[in-house]
Amino acid sequence: MTAKELLLQRARGWTDEQADIALRAVEAKDASQSAEMAPLPAGWGQTLTGEPMPNIVAAVRRSRAEH
């Protein structure tokens, strides 16, 4: 069973109040993920060898999504 299927199955038994709490949590997470990031301080955008800094957060999210 996928996570989406499990969520839909559990949500069927929720009260309106429980569904509202869950929806607000999802909306808050969506809002925080779409918020603009502040620019990095000078020098933080490069590794010690001068290469662009990898996006570690995106790599962690991809890794978690694969499991």
PDB file of N, CA and C in Angstrom:
ATOM      1  N   MET A   1       0.852  -1.176   0.000  1.00  0.00           N
ATOM      2  CA  MET A   1       0.000   0.000   0.000  1.00  0.00           C
ATOM      3  C   MET A   1       0.896   1.236   0.000  1.00  0.00           C
ATOM      4  N   THR A   2       0.584   2.183  -0.874  1.00  0.00           N
ATOM      5  CA  THR A   2       1.379   3.403  -0.941  1.00  0.00           C
ATOM      6  C   THR A   2       1.021   4.328   0.212  1.00  0.00           C
ATOM      7  N   ALA A   3       1.863   5.301   0.444  1.00  0.00           N
ATOM      8  CA  ALA A   3       1.608   6.277   1.506  1.00  0.00           C
ATOM      9  C   ALA A   3       0.320   7.047   1.220  1.00  0.00           C
ATOM     10  N   LYS A   4       0.088   7.362  -0.042  1.00  0.00           N
ATOM     11  CA  LYS A   4      -1.126   8.103  -0.413  1.00  0.00           C
ATOM     12  C   LYS A   4      -2.373   7.264  -0.132  1.00  0.00           C
ATOM     13  N   GLU A   5      -2.328   5.988  -0.484  1.00  0.00           N
ATOM     14  CA  GLU A   5      -3.462   5.105  -0.231  1.00  0.00           C
ATOM     15  C   GLU A   5      -3.719   4.958   1.268  1.00  0.00           C
ATOM     16  N   LEU A   6      -2.645   4.818   2.040  1.00  0.00           N
ATOM     17  CA  LEU A   6      -2.775   4.692   3.487  1.00  0.00           C
ATOM     18  C   LEU A   6      -3.373   5.963   4.084  1.00  0.00           C
ATOM     19  N   LEU A   7      -2.912   7.111   3.625  1.00  0.00           N
ATOM     20  CA  LEU A   7      -3.443   8.385   4.118  1.00  0.00           C
ATOM     21  C   LEU A   7      -4.929   8.510   3.808  1.00  0.00           C
ATOM     22  N   LEU A   8      -5.326   8.186   2.583  1.00  0.00           N
ATOM     23  CA  LEU A   8      -6.739   8.272   2.209  1.00  0.00           C
ATOM     24  C   LEU A   8      -7.593   7.311   3.035  1.00  0.00           C
ATOM     25  N   GLN A   9      -7.061   6.135   3.300  1.00  0.00           N
ATOM     26  CA  GLN A   9      -7.784   5.152   4.098  1.00  0.00           C
ATOM     27  C   GLN A   9      -7.995   5.676   5.524  1.00  0.00           C
ATOM     28  N   ARG A  10      -6.962   6.219   6.112  1.00  0.00           N
ATOM     29  CA  ARG A  10      -7.079   6.738   7.475  1.00  0.00           C
ATOM     30  C   ARG A  10      -7.961   7.974   7.539  1.00  0.00           C
ATOM     31  N   ALA A  11      -7.902   8.813   6.514  1.00  0.00           N
ATOM     32  CA  ALA A  11      -8.652  10.067   6.514  1.00  0.00           C
ATOM     33  C   ALA A  11     -10.158   9.833   6.486  1.00  0.00           C
ATOM     34  N   ARG A  12     -10.598   8.708   5.965  1.00  0.00           N
ATOM     35  CA  ARG A  12     -12.040   8.418   5.913  1.00  0.00           C
ATOM     36  C   ARG A  12     -12.678   8.436   7.301  1.00  0.00           C
ATOM     37  N   GLY A  13     -11.934   8.058   8.310  1.00  0.00           N
ATOM     38  CA  GLY A  13     -12.471   8.004   9.660  1.00  0.00           C
ATOM     39  C   GLY A  13     -12.270   9.270  10.475  1.00  0.00           C
ATOM     40  N   TRP A  14     -11.648  10.273   9.899  1.00  0.00           N
ATOM     41  CA  TRP A  14     -11.373  11.508  10.637  1.00  0.00           C
ATOM     42  C   TRP A  14     -12.627  12.350  10.811  1.00  0.00           C
ATOM     43  N   THR A  15     -12.663  13.078  11.907  1.00  0.00           N
ATOM     44  CA  THR A  15     -13.702  14.088  12.088  1.00  0.00           C
ATOM     45  C   THR A  15     -13.326  15.302  11.253  1.00  0.00           C
ATOM     46  N   ASP A  16     -14.265  16.227  11.094  1.00  0.00           N
ATOM     47  CA  ASP A  16     -13.949  17.462  10.368  1.00  0.00           C
ATOM     48  C   ASP A  16     -12.826  18.227  11.053  1.00  0.00           C
ATOM     49  N   GLU A  17     -12.808  18.203  12.373  1.00  0.00           N
ATOM     50  CA  GLU A  17     -11.755  18.908  13.108  1.00  0.00           C
ATOM     51  C   GLU A  17     -10.388  18.276  12.850  1.00  0.00           C
ATOM     52  N   GLN A  18     -10.310  16.953  12.852  1.00  0.00           N
ATOM     53  CA  GLN A  18      -9.048  16.268  12.577  1.00  0.00           C
ATOM     54  C   GLN A  18      -8.579  16.543  11.147  1.00  0.00           C
ATOM     55  N   ALA A  19      -9.504  16.531  10.204  1.00  0.00           N
ATOM     56  CA  ALA A  19      -9.153  16.815   8.814  1.00  0.00           C
ATOM     57  C   ALA A  19      -8.656  18.246   8.662  1.00  0.00           C
ATOM     58  N   ASP A  20      -9.278  19.178   9.383  1.00  0.00           N
ATOM     59  CA  ASP A  20      -8.861  20.578   9.324  1.00  0.00           C
ATOM     60  C   ASP A  20      -7.447  20.743   9.876  1.00  0.00           C
ATOM     61  N   ILE A  21      -7.138  20.057  10.968  1.00  0.00           N
ATOM     62  CA  ILE A  21      -5.789  20.116  11.553  1.00  0.00           C
ATOM     63  C   ILE A  21      -4.762  19.570  10.562  1.00  0.00           C
ATOM     64  N   ALA A  22      -5.081  18.426   9.949  1.00  0.00           N
ATOM     65  CA  ALA A  22      -4.161  17.826   8.979  1.00  0.00           C
ATOM     66  C   ALA A  22      -3.966  18.737   7.773  1.00  0.00           C
ATOM     67  N   LEU A  23      -5.039  19.323   7.290  1.00  0.00           N
ATOM     68  CA  LEU A  23      -4.944  20.210   6.125  1.00  0.00           C
ATOM     69  C   LEU A  23      -4.095  21.434   6.451  1.00  0.00           C
ATOM     70  N   ARG A  24      -4.284  22.018   7.634  1.00  0.00           N
ATOM     71  CA  ARG A  24      -3.459  23.176   8.012  1.00  0.00           C
ATOM     72  C   ARG A  24      -1.990  22.801   8.113  1.00  0.00           C
ATOM     73  N   ALA A  25      -1.694  21.604   8.588  1.00  0.00           N
ATOM     74  CA  ALA A  25      -0.300  21.155   8.685  1.00  0.00           C
ATOM     75  C   ALA A  25       0.316  21.000   7.298  1.00  0.00           C
ATOM     76  N   VAL A  26      -0.432  20.431   6.370  1.00  0.00           N
ATOM     77  CA  VAL A  26       0.070  20.264   4.999  1.00  0.00           C
ATOM     78  C   VAL A  26       0.266  21.617   4.339  1.00  0.00           C
ATOM     79  N   GLU A  27      -0.684  22.514   4.508  1.00  0.00           N
ATOM     80  CA  GLU A  27      -0.561  23.847   3.908  1.00  0.00           C
ATOM     81  C   GLU A  27       0.624  24.609   4.489  1.00  0.00           C
ATOM     82  N   ALA A  28       0.866  24.472   5.785  1.00  0.00           N
ATOM     83  CA  ALA A  28       2.003  25.150   6.408  1.00  0.00           C
ATOM     84  C   ALA A  28       3.313  24.598   5.859  1.00  0.00           C
ATOM     85  N   LYS A  29       3.375  23.287   5.668  1.00  0.00           N
ATOM     86  CA  LYS A  29       4.592  22.676   5.124  1.00  0.00           C
ATOM     87  C   LYS A  29       4.811  23.136   3.684  1.00  0.00           C
ATOM     88  N   ASP A  30       3.736  23.177   2.883  1.00  0.00           N
ATOM     89  CA  ASP A  30       3.848  23.647   1.501  1.00  0.00           C
ATOM     90  C   ASP A  30       4.339  25.090   1.460  1.00  0.00           C
ATOM     91  N   ALA A  31       3.812  25.918   2.349  1.00  0.00           N
ATOM     92  CA  ALA A  31       4.205  27.323   2.381  1.00  0.00           C
ATOM     93  C   ALA A  31       5.672  27.475   2.765  1.00  0.00           C
ATOM     94  N   SER A  32       6.129  26.666   3.722  1.00  0.00           N
ATOM     95  CA  SER A  32       7.524  26.793   4.157  1.00  0.00           C
ATOM     96  C   SER A  32       8.475  26.292   3.075  1.00  0.00           C
ATOM     97  N   GLN A  33       8.051  25.312   2.285  1.00  0.00           N
ATOM     98  CA  GLN A  33       8.914  24.796   1.221  1.00  0.00           C
ATOM     99  C   GLN A  33       8.982  25.751   0.034  1.00  0.00           C
ATOM    100  N   SER A  34       7.926  26.527  -0.181  1.00  0.00           N
ATOM    101  CA  SER A  34       7.930  27.420  -1.328  1.00  0.00           C
ATOM    102  C   SER A  34       8.478  28.807  -0.984  1.00  0.00           C
ATOM    103  N   ALA A  35       8.780  29.046   0.287  1.00  0.00           N
ATOM    104  CA  ALA A  35       9.315  30.341   0.690  1.00  0.00           C
ATOM    105  C   ALA A  35      10.694  30.558   0.068  1.00  0.00           C
ATOM    106  N   GLU A  36      10.977  31.805  -0.267  1.00  0.00           N
ATOM    107  CA  GLU A  36      12.275  32.122  -0.853  1.00  0.00           C
ATOM    108  C   GLU A  36      13.363  32.019   0.205  1.00  0.00           C
ATOM    109  N   MET A  37      14.499  31.529  -0.235  1.00  0.00           N
ATOM    110  CA  MET A  37      15.639  31.437   0.668  1.00  0.00           C
ATOM    111  C   MET A  37      16.432  32.734   0.629  1.00  0.00           C
ATOM    112  N   ALA A  38      16.984  33.080   1.752  1.00  0.00           N
ATOM    113  CA  ALA A  38      17.867  34.239   1.810  1.00  0.00           C
ATOM    114  C   ALA A  38      19.164  33.883   1.088  1.00  0.00           C
ATOM    115  N   PRO A  39      19.803  34.858   0.472  1.00  0.00           N
ATOM    116  CA  PRO A  39      21.062  34.553  -0.205  1.00  0.00           C
ATOM    117  C   PRO A  39      22.133  34.110   0.789  1.00  0.00           C
ATOM    118  N   LEU A  40      23.017  33.262   0.327  1.00  0.00           N
ATOM    119  CA  LEU A  40      24.113  32.789   1.178  1.00  0.00           C
ATOM    120  C   LEU A  40      25.148  33.885   1.373  1.00  0.00           C
ATOM    121  N   PRO A  41      25.811  33.896   2.509  1.00  0.00           N
ATOM    122  CA  PRO A  41      26.914  34.839   2.699  1.00  0.00           C
ATOM    123  C   PRO A  41      28.014  34.581   1.663  1.00  0.00           C
ATOM    124  N   ALA A  42      28.785  35.590   1.377  1.00  0.00           N
ATOM    125  CA  ALA A  42      29.869  35.463   0.396  1.00  0.00           C
ATOM    126  C   ALA A  42      30.779  34.299   0.758  1.00  0.00           C
ATOM    127  N   GLY A  43      31.113  33.507  -0.220  1.00  0.00           N
ATOM    128  CA  GLY A  43      32.004  32.379  -0.003  1.00  0.00           C
ATOM    129  C   GLY A  43      31.305  31.080   0.342  1.00  0.00           C
ATOM    130  N   TRP A  44      30.038  31.133   0.730  1.00  0.00           N
ATOM    131  CA  TRP A  44      29.318  29.921   1.101  1.00  0.00           C
ATOM    132  C   TRP A  44      28.776  29.181  -0.110  1.00  0.00           C
ATOM    133  N   GLY A  45      28.812  29.787  -1.272  1.00  0.00           N
ATOM    134  CA  GLY A  45      28.275  29.160  -2.472  1.00  0.00           C
ATOM    135  C   GLY A  45      29.280  28.281  -3.194  1.00  0.00           C
ATOM    136  N   GLN A  46      30.489  28.174  -2.633  1.00  0.00           N
ATOM    137  CA  GLN A  46      31.534  27.383  -3.278  1.00  0.00           C
ATOM    138  C   GLN A  46      32.198  26.453  -2.273  1.00  0.00           C
ATOM    139  N   THR A  47      32.674  25.330  -2.795  1.00  0.00           N
ATOM    140  CA  THR A  47      33.459  24.420  -1.962  1.00  0.00           C
ATOM    141  C   THR A  47      34.875  24.982  -1.850  1.00  0.00           C
ATOM    142  N   LEU A  48      35.705  24.335  -1.071  1.00  0.00           N
ATOM    143  CA  LEU A  48      37.088  24.800  -0.917  1.00  0.00           C
ATOM    144  C   LEU A  48      37.861  24.745  -2.228  1.00  0.00           C
ATOM    145  N   THR A  49      37.423  23.871  -3.150  1.00  0.00           N
ATOM    146  CA  THR A  49      38.106  23.761  -4.445  1.00  0.00           C
ATOM    147  C   THR A  49      37.535  24.721  -5.486  1.00  0.00           C
ATOM    148  N   GLY A  50      36.552  25.548  -5.103  1.00  0.00           N
ATOM    149  CA  GLY A  50      35.985  26.535  -6.013  1.00  0.00           C
ATOM    150  C   GLY A  50      34.775  26.056  -6.800  1.00  0.00           C
ATOM    151  N   GLU A  51      34.365  24.810  -6.597  1.00  0.00           N
ATOM    152  CA  GLU A  51      33.192  24.295  -7.294  1.00  0.00           C
ATOM    153  C   GLU A  51      31.925  24.820  -6.625  1.00  0.00           C
ATOM    154  N   PRO A  52      30.807  24.877  -7.376  1.00  0.00           N
ATOM    155  CA  PRO A  52      29.550  25.297  -6.746  1.00  0.00           C
ATOM    156  C   PRO A  52      29.151  24.332  -5.634  1.00  0.00           C
ATOM    157  N   MET A  53      28.611  24.878  -4.562  1.00  0.00           N
ATOM    158  CA  MET A  53      28.187  24.060  -3.428  1.00  0.00           C
ATOM    159  C   MET A  53      26.990  23.209  -3.841  1.00  0.00           C
ATOM    160  N   PRO A  54      27.015  21.906  -3.568  1.00  0.00           N
ATOM    161  CA  PRO A  54      25.872  21.061  -3.912  1.00  0.00           C
ATOM    162  C   PRO A  54      24.674  21.400  -3.029  1.00  0.00           C
ATOM    163  N   ASN A  55      23.478  21.144  -3.537  1.00  0.00           N
ATOM    164  CA  ASN A  55      22.258  21.397  -2.781  1.00  0.00           C
ATOM    165  C   ASN A  55      22.000  20.187  -1.879  1.00  0.00           C
ATOM    166  N   ILE A  56      22.481  20.252  -0.664  1.00  0.00           N
ATOM    167  CA  ILE A  56      22.397  19.139   0.270  1.00  0.00           C
ATOM    168  C   ILE A  56      20.944  18.865   0.663  1.00  0.00           C
ATOM    169  N   VAL A  57      20.161  19.908   0.864  1.00  0.00           N
ATOM    170  CA  VAL A  57      18.757  19.730   1.253  1.00  0.00           C
ATOM    171  C   VAL A  57      18.000  18.975   0.171  1.00  0.00           C
ATOM    172  N   ALA A  58      18.209  19.352  -1.086  1.00  0.00           N
ATOM    173  CA  ALA A  58      17.535  18.657  -2.183  1.00  0.00           C
ATOM    174  C   ALA A  58      17.971  17.198  -2.262  1.00  0.00           C
ATOM    175  N   ALA A  59      19.237  16.945  -2.011  1.00  0.00           N
ATOM    176  CA  ALA A  59      19.735  15.565  -2.044  1.00  0.00           C
ATOM    177  C   ALA A  59      19.101  14.720  -0.948  1.00  0.00           C
ATOM    178  N   VAL A  60      18.946  15.291   0.243  1.00  0.00           N
ATOM    179  CA  VAL A  60      18.313  14.565   1.343  1.00  0.00           C
ATOM    180  C   VAL A  60      16.845  14.292   1.013  1.00  0.00           C
ATOM    181  N   ARG A  61      16.148  15.298   0.472  1.00  0.00           N
ATOM    182  CA  ARG A  61      14.735  15.111   0.110  1.00  0.00           C
ATOM    183  C   ARG A  61      14.580  14.033  -0.961  1.00  0.00           C
ATOM    184  N   ARG A  62      15.448  14.032  -1.963  1.00  0.00           N
ATOM    185  CA  ARG A  62      15.393  12.991  -3.013  1.00  0.00           C
ATOM    186  C   ARG A  62      15.624  11.619  -2.404  1.00  0.00           C
ATOM    187  N   SER A  63      16.590  11.531  -1.500  1.00  0.00           N
ATOM    188  CA  SER A  63      16.893  10.260  -0.871  1.00  0.00           C
ATOM    189  C   SER A  63      15.710   9.744  -0.063  1.00  0.00           C
ATOM    190  N   ARG A  64      15.069  10.633   0.685  1.00  0.00           N
ATOM    191  CA  ARG A  64      13.918  10.229   1.487  1.00  0.00           C
ATOM    192  C   ARG A  64      12.735   9.830   0.603  1.00  0.00           C
ATOM    193  N   ALA A  65      12.556  10.517  -0.514  1.00  0.00           N
ATOM    194  CA  ALA A  65      11.441  10.212  -1.415  1.00  0.00           C
ATOM    195  C   ALA A  65      11.603   8.864  -2.082  1.00  0.00           C
ATOM    196  N   GLU A  66      12.833   8.394  -2.212  1.00  0.00           N
ATOM    197  CA  GLU A  66      13.104   7.115  -2.872  1.00  0.00           C
ATOM    198  C   GLU A  66      12.799   5.933  -1.964  1.00  0.00           C
ATOM    199  N   HIS A  67      12.609   6.157  -0.679  1.00  0.00           N
ATOM    200  CA  HIS A  67      12.396   5.035   0.254  1.00  0.00           C
ATOM    201  C   HIS A  67      10.945   4.895   0.610  1.00  0.00           C
TER     202      HIS A  67
END
